[in-house]
Amino acid sequence: MSIEITTLDPEHDADEWNRYVDRSDGTNPFHRAEALRLQADDTDTTLHLLAGFKGQEPVGIFPVFEYARGPITGAFSPAPRSWSCYLGPSVLNIDKLKQRKADRRVQRFLAGCLHWIDEEIAPLYARFVAAEFEDVRPFMWNEYDVEPEYTYVVDLDGTEAQLLDRFSSDARSNIRNADESSYTIEEGGVADVGRIVEQVAKRYENQGRSFQLSTTFAESVYKDLPDGSIRPYVCRVDGDVLGGILVVESESTRYRWQGGVKPDVDVDIAINDLLDWAVMRDGLESGLDRYDLVGAGVPSINRYKAKFNPRLETTYNITAGSFGLDLAIDAYRKHR
């Protein structure tokens, strides 16, 4: 039986879509209909919720954003310059299949999605980011360019002491020797979401780099997604917020989405070490499996992330079409 690709309505079919998200492998809160609608509004794109069915059985989901400006068209997942967490396709009801059947199902699902994209959007350029989605071969078989990228992942297993013992000596020392009376780390609220984003934006500005994530979008995602999907961890010293990390939480994983920038003031504690430790410690206590540090492609930042003894995992940047369109879209985003 072939796989049929249908589109769900982001408003009226949101509950159905979210049920598939909950049952799919490797999804995160940004796959939910609420977050996808916010991405579409924020980037001025059109959202298409592609779902694959074998008869009545759902086999996969693929959120796609259509970008159209005059003769320029593009297909993206996540939305262009949205600064969201990972998106791309995901499959469900595949775990119990033998490898041959699993391969065939993934191939047919993705082939159907890519055919739909070609027919309905006809993009001059396409870019998808696949993470926690291992079988990207169908993209290559459909003449997409697949480039590996990397992230660091800390396994949240064992006891709290065993987790800490795996860190580098300086990280262990920074955490164990910090004067607990001199700081507090807590999970904040919507105002802290804005503070963290503004702190990151200032850091980018000081480095002469563009940063399109708006406080409005981040705060809306925090408010619209289920409780606990976005967790703003903040470190206060003498009542002032000196650092923070925005954490995205799925059923099994915490993602280090934004934050963790170097504080503007000098203090005697390693604020980011303590923040990351709090995120990992609480995740371990909650029974989560992983802490994805989101990225391992910048040597200067990798040195910091590697102190937590993470594993290196592969993600994929999947593209097709006209070179340079991504830059044109970036320029459009900067001037919106």
Protein backbone atom coordinates (compact mmCIF):
# COMPACT_ATOMS: atom_id res chain seq x y z
CA MET A 1 0.00 0.00 0.00
CA SER A 2 1.35 3.42 -0.96
CA ILE A 3 1.74 6.33 1.44
CA GLU A 4 -0.61 9.28 0.94
CA ILE A 5 0.60 12.77 1.79
CA THR A 6 -2.07 15.14 3.10
CA THR A 7 -1.97 18.61 4.62
CA LEU A 8 -3.53 19.46 7.96
CA ASP A 9 -4.94 22.87 8.82
CA PRO A 10 -2.71 24.63 11.41
CA GLU A 11 -5.77 25.98 13.23
CA HIS A 12 -8.57 23.41 12.90
CA ASP A 13 -6.36 20.30 12.90
CA ALA A 14 -3.95 21.45 15.61
CA ASP A 15 -5.01 18.81 18.13
CA GLU A 16 -4.65 16.00 15.60
CA TRP A 17 -1.23 17.29 14.52
CA ASN A 18 -0.04 17.55 18.12
CA ARG A 19 -1.09 13.95 18.78
CA TYR A 20 1.20 12.86 15.94
CA VAL A 21 3.99 15.07 17.34
CA ASP A 22 3.65 13.37 20.72
CA ARG A 23 3.92 9.93 19.11
CA SER A 24 6.77 10.71 16.70
CA ASP A 25 10.45 10.00 17.22
CA GLY A 26 12.80 12.91 17.88
CA THR A 27 10.28 15.75 17.99
CA ASN A 28 10.46 18.72 20.35
CA PRO A 29 7.99 21.45 21.41
CA PHE A 30 8.77 23.52 18.31
CA HIS A 31 7.06 20.82 16.24
CA ARG A 32 3.75 21.61 17.95
CA ALA A 33 1.11 23.52 16.00
CA GLU A 34 1.21 26.48 18.41
CA ALA A 35 4.93 27.04 17.91
CA LEU A 36 4.73 26.47 14.15
CA ARG A 37 2.01 29.12 13.78
CA LEU A 38 4.14 31.58 15.73
CA GLN A 39 7.13 30.84 13.47
CA ALA A 40 5.03 31.46 10.37
CA ASP A 41 3.73 34.77 11.73
CA ASP A 42 7.19 35.87 12.87
CA THR A 43 8.85 35.10 9.52
CA ASP A 44 5.92 36.09 7.27
CA THR A 45 5.81 32.64 5.69
CA THR A 46 3.01 30.17 4.93
CA LEU A 47 2.89 27.04 7.06
CA HIS A 48 2.13 23.62 5.55
CA LEU A 49 1.62 20.65 7.86
CA LEU A 50 2.45 17.57 5.79
CA ALA A 51 1.35 14.23 7.21
CA GLY A 52 1.85 10.80 5.66
CA PHE A 53 -0.65 7.96 6.01
CA LYS A 54 -0.60 4.31 5.08
CA GLY A 55 -4.31 3.72 4.93
CA GLN A 56 -5.56 5.14 8.23
CA GLU A 57 -2.20 4.73 9.98
CA PRO A 58 -0.05 7.88 10.37
CA VAL A 59 3.57 7.23 9.39
CA GLY A 60 5.26 10.64 9.42
CA ILE A 61 5.02 14.41 9.78
CA PHE A 62 6.93 17.20 8.08
CA PRO A 63 6.26 20.90 8.87
CA VAL A 64 7.25 23.08 5.91
CA PHE A 65 7.32 26.88 5.61
CA GLU A 66 6.74 28.46 2.21
CA TYR A 67 8.59 31.70 1.51
CA ALA A 68 7.36 33.75 -1.46
CA ARG A 69 8.51 37.22 -2.56
CA GLY A 70 7.71 37.94 -6.18
CA PRO A 71 9.46 35.32 -8.32
CA ILE A 72 11.47 34.03 -5.36
CA THR A 73 10.11 30.94 -3.64
CA GLY A 74 11.60 28.79 -0.92
CA ALA A 75 10.72 25.83 1.29
CA PHE A 76 12.13 25.64 4.79
CA SER A 77 11.97 23.62 8.00
CA PRO A 78 12.48 25.41 10.35
CA ALA A 79 11.30 28.73 8.94
CA PRO A 80 14.00 30.94 7.40
CA ARG A 81 16.01 32.76 10.07
CA SER A 82 13.50 31.81 12.75
CA TRP A 83 16.13 30.80 15.35
CA SER A 84 13.81 28.03 16.49
CA CYS A 85 14.99 24.67 17.73
CA TYR A 86 15.36 21.70 15.35
CA LEU A 87 12.49 20.83 13.00
CA GLY A 88 12.45 18.79 9.80
CA PRO A 89 10.63 15.48 9.28
CA SER A 90 9.83 12.82 11.84
CA VAL A 91 8.33 9.33 11.61
CA LEU A 92 6.05 7.30 13.84
CA ASN A 93 4.80 3.71 14.10
CA ILE A 94 8.11 2.42 12.77
CA ASP A 95 9.90 0.97 15.80
CA LYS A 96 8.54 -2.57 15.44
CA LEU A 97 9.20 -2.87 11.70
CA LYS A 98 12.03 -4.92 10.27
CA GLN A 99 14.76 -2.89 8.61
CA ARG A 100 13.63 -3.51 5.02
CA LYS A 101 10.08 -2.37 5.75
CA ALA A 102 11.29 0.59 7.82
CA ASP A 103 13.60 1.72 5.01
CA ARG A 104 10.80 1.44 2.47
CA ARG A 105 8.35 3.36 4.64
CA VAL A 106 10.77 6.25 5.32
CA GLN A 107 11.76 6.40 1.65
CA ARG A 108 8.15 6.51 0.44
CA PHE A 109 7.10 9.05 3.08
CA LEU A 110 9.92 11.47 2.26
CA ALA A 111 9.58 10.95 -1.49
CA GLY A 112 5.90 11.82 -1.19
CA CYS A 113 6.64 14.93 0.86
CA LEU A 114 9.33 16.14 -1.55
CA HIS A 115 7.01 15.53 -4.51
CA TRP A 116 4.31 17.60 -2.78
CA ILE A 117 6.81 20.41 -2.13
CA ASP A 118 7.93 20.40 -5.77
CA GLU A 119 4.36 20.42 -7.09
CA GLU A 120 2.74 22.87 -4.67
CA ILE A 121 5.59 25.25 -3.79
CA ALA A 122 8.06 24.71 -6.65
CA PRO A 123 10.87 26.26 -4.59
CA LEU A 124 13.92 27.82 -6.15
CA TYR A 125 15.66 26.97 -2.91
CA ALA A 126 14.96 24.54 -0.05
CA ARG A 127 16.64 24.11 3.30
CA PHE A 128 15.76 21.59 6.02
CA VAL A 129 17.57 20.81 9.27
CA ALA A 130 17.24 17.20 10.39
CA ALA A 131 18.22 16.24 13.93
CA GLU A 132 17.40 12.99 15.71
CA PHE A 133 16.40 11.77 12.23
CA GLU A 134 18.98 9.28 11.06
CA ASP A 135 17.90 8.17 7.58
CA VAL A 136 18.55 11.14 5.32
CA ARG A 137 19.36 8.93 2.31
CA PRO A 138 16.02 9.66 0.58
CA PHE A 139 17.00 13.32 0.37
CA MET A 140 20.21 12.40 -1.44
CA TRP A 141 18.30 10.03 -3.71
CA ASN A 142 16.07 12.99 -4.60
CA GLU A 143 19.09 15.15 -5.52
CA TYR A 144 19.31 17.19 -2.34
CA ASP A 145 22.68 18.15 -0.90
CA VAL A 146 23.17 16.72 2.58
CA GLU A 147 25.88 18.27 4.75
CA PRO A 148 26.66 16.90 8.21
CA GLU A 149 26.70 19.27 11.14
CA TYR A 150 27.33 18.51 14.77
CA THR A 151 26.06 18.95 18.29
CA TYR A 152 27.16 17.89 21.75
CA VAL A 153 24.85 15.76 23.91
CA VAL A 154 25.30 14.95 27.60
CA ASP A 155 23.72 11.68 28.75
CA LEU A 156 21.71 12.26 31.93
CA ASP A 157 22.27 8.92 33.63
CA GLY A 158 23.63 7.57 36.88
CA THR A 159 23.52 9.57 40.09
CA GLU A 160 24.03 13.30 40.48
CA ALA A 161 27.53 12.67 41.87
CA GLN A 162 28.40 10.34 38.97
CA LEU A 163 27.21 12.91 36.44
CA LEU A 164 29.31 15.64 38.03
CA ASP A 165 32.37 13.37 38.25
CA ARG A 166 32.37 13.02 34.44
CA PHE A 167 32.97 16.77 33.99
CA SER A 168 36.42 18.29 33.53
CA SER A 169 38.35 19.21 36.67
CA ASP A 170 37.76 22.95 36.26
CA ALA A 171 34.01 22.47 35.78
CA ARG A 172 33.82 20.26 38.87
CA SER A 173 35.81 22.80 40.87
CA ASN A 174 33.68 25.72 39.68
CA ILE A 175 30.51 23.92 40.73
CA ARG A 176 31.66 22.39 44.02
CA ASN A 177 33.53 25.44 45.29
CA ALA A 178 30.96 28.10 44.42
CA ASP A 179 29.74 29.99 47.50
CA GLU A 180 26.05 29.09 47.55
CA SER A 181 25.25 32.14 49.67
CA SER A 182 26.49 34.48 46.93
CA TYR A 183 24.06 33.48 44.15
CA THR A 184 20.72 31.86 43.37
CA ILE A 185 19.71 29.86 40.33
CA GLU A 186 16.04 29.37 39.65
CA GLU A 187 13.56 28.77 36.89
CA GLY A 188 12.00 32.13 36.09
CA GLY A 189 8.99 33.38 34.16
CA VAL A 190 8.09 35.23 31.00
CA ALA A 191 9.99 38.37 32.00
CA ASP A 192 13.16 36.29 32.32
CA VAL A 193 12.61 34.91 28.81
CA GLY A 194 12.83 38.47 27.52
CA ARG A 195 15.89 39.24 29.63
CA ILE A 196 17.79 36.24 28.31
CA VAL A 197 16.98 37.04 24.67
CA GLU A 198 17.98 40.69 25.15
CA GLN A 199 21.26 39.61 26.73
CA VAL A 200 22.03 37.36 23.75
CA ALA A 201 21.03 40.10 21.28
CA LYS A 202 23.39 42.55 22.97
CA ARG A 203 26.20 40.03 22.79
CA TYR A 204 25.65 39.54 19.05
CA GLU A 205 25.47 43.30 18.50
CA ASN A 206 28.77 43.82 20.31
CA GLN A 207 30.34 41.24 18.00
CA GLY A 208 28.89 42.85 14.88
CA ARG A 209 26.71 39.82 14.11
CA SER A 210 23.03 39.69 13.17
CA PHE A 211 20.47 38.22 15.56
CA GLN A 212 16.84 37.98 14.44
CA LEU A 213 15.22 36.26 17.42
CA SER A 214 12.74 38.74 18.93
CA THR A 215 11.71 38.88 22.56
CA THR A 216 8.07 38.92 21.38
CA PHE A 217 8.47 35.57 19.61
CA ALA A 218 10.33 33.94 22.50
CA GLU A 219 7.81 35.19 25.06
CA SER A 220 4.89 34.04 22.89
CA VAL A 221 6.36 30.56 22.56
CA TYR A 222 6.79 30.42 26.34
CA LYS A 223 3.17 31.43 26.91
CA ASP A 224 1.52 29.37 24.15
CA LEU A 225 3.29 26.04 24.56
CA PRO A 226 2.38 23.62 27.37
CA ASP A 227 3.89 24.40 30.76
CA GLY A 228 7.48 23.25 31.03
CA SER A 229 8.17 23.30 27.29
CA ILE A 230 10.32 26.43 27.64
CA ARG A 231 12.25 26.83 30.88
CA PRO A 232 14.15 30.09 31.53
CA TYR A 233 16.93 29.39 34.02
CA VAL A 234 18.45 32.55 35.53
CA CYS A 235 21.35 33.24 37.88
CA ARG A 236 20.94 36.13 40.31
CA VAL A 237 23.71 37.79 42.26
CA ASP A 238 22.62 40.40 44.83
CA GLY A 239 19.17 40.28 43.28
CA ASP A 240 20.36 41.12 39.75
CA VAL A 241 20.04 38.68 36.83
CA LEU A 242 23.58 38.25 35.49
CA GLY A 243 23.02 35.25 33.23
CA GLY A 244 20.45 32.84 31.92
CA ILE A 245 19.71 29.93 29.63
CA LEU A 246 16.49 29.26 27.74
CA VAL A 247 15.88 25.52 27.80
CA VAL A 248 13.49 23.68 25.47
CA GLU A 249 12.20 20.43 26.96
CA SER A 250 10.78 17.43 25.12
CA GLU A 251 9.71 14.10 26.55
CA SER A 252 13.30 12.85 26.74
CA THR A 253 15.61 15.79 26.09
CA ARG A 254 16.54 19.25 27.28
CA TYR A 255 17.90 21.59 24.59
CA ARG A 256 20.17 24.55 25.36
CA TRP A 257 18.26 26.89 23.05
CA GLN A 258 19.52 30.41 23.85
CA GLY A 259 21.61 32.17 26.47
CA GLY A 260 24.73 31.25 28.36
CA VAL A 261 26.57 34.37 27.17
CA LYS A 262 29.44 35.85 29.12
CA PRO A 263 28.19 38.24 31.85
CA ASP A 264 28.90 41.95 31.52
CA VAL A 265 30.32 42.16 35.04
CA ASP A 266 33.11 40.29 36.79
CA VAL A 267 32.03 37.98 39.60
CA ASP A 268 33.81 35.30 41.59
CA ILE A 269 31.58 32.46 40.38
CA ALA A 270 31.39 30.64 37.03
CA ILE A 271 27.82 31.62 36.20
CA ASN A 272 27.40 29.55 33.05
CA ASP A 273 28.93 26.43 34.61
CA LEU A 274 26.43 26.74 37.46
CA LEU A 275 23.52 27.37 35.07
CA ASP A 276 24.31 24.36 32.88
CA TRP A 277 24.79 22.20 35.96
CA ALA A 278 21.38 23.26 37.32
CA VAL A 279 19.75 22.42 33.98
CA MET A 280 21.39 18.98 33.88
CA ARG A 281 20.81 18.20 37.56
CA ASP A 282 17.11 19.07 37.33
CA GLY A 283 16.77 17.10 34.09
CA LEU A 284 18.37 14.05 35.71
CA GLU A 285 16.03 14.37 38.70
CA SER A 286 13.03 14.58 36.34
CA GLY A 287 14.02 11.37 34.57
CA LEU A 288 15.07 12.91 31.25
CA ASP A 289 17.70 11.15 29.15
CA ARG A 290 19.72 13.85 27.38
CA TYR A 291 20.94 17.44 27.46
CA ASP A 292 21.59 18.70 23.93
CA LEU A 293 24.01 21.62 24.06
CA VAL A 294 22.79 22.60 20.54
CA GLY A 295 25.82 22.99 18.35
CA ALA A 296 29.43 21.86 18.18
CA GLY A 297 30.62 23.80 15.16
CA VAL A 298 32.41 26.79 16.71
CA PRO A 299 35.83 25.92 18.17
CA SER A 300 35.84 28.74 20.72
CA ILE A 301 32.46 27.64 22.11
CA ASN A 302 33.20 23.93 21.76
CA ARG A 303 35.96 24.25 24.34
CA TYR A 304 33.41 25.35 26.92
CA LYS A 305 30.79 22.74 26.02
CA ALA A 306 33.30 19.89 25.94
CA LYS A 307 34.05 20.34 29.65
CA PHE A 308 30.77 18.51 30.40
CA ASN A 309 32.07 15.35 28.67
CA PRO A 310 29.36 15.22 25.99
CA ARG A 311 28.99 12.86 23.06
CA LEU A 312 29.33 14.21 19.52
CA GLU A 313 26.16 13.67 17.49
CA THR A 314 25.44 14.40 13.84
CA THR A 315 22.70 16.63 12.51
CA TYR A 316 22.10 17.38 8.83
CA ASN A 317 21.75 20.54 6.78
CA ILE A 318 19.76 19.57 3.69
CA THR A 319 19.56 21.98 0.75
CA ALA A 320 18.58 22.17 -2.90
CA GLY A 321 18.32 24.94 -5.44
CA SER A 322 19.72 28.36 -6.21
CA PHE A 323 22.87 29.46 -4.45
CA GLY A 324 22.51 32.89 -2.84
CA LEU A 325 18.77 32.83 -2.16
CA ASP A 326 19.47 32.17 1.51
CA LEU A 327 21.42 35.43 1.60
CA ALA A 328 18.55 37.31 -0.03
CA ILE A 329 16.16 35.97 2.57
CA ASP A 330 18.59 36.98 5.32
CA ALA A 331 18.63 40.53 3.96
CA TYR A 332 14.82 40.57 3.89
CA ARG A 333 14.66 39.40 7.50
CA LYS A 334 17.09 42.12 8.61
CA HIS A 335 14.93 44.85 7.08
CA ARG A 336 11.53 43.63 8.26
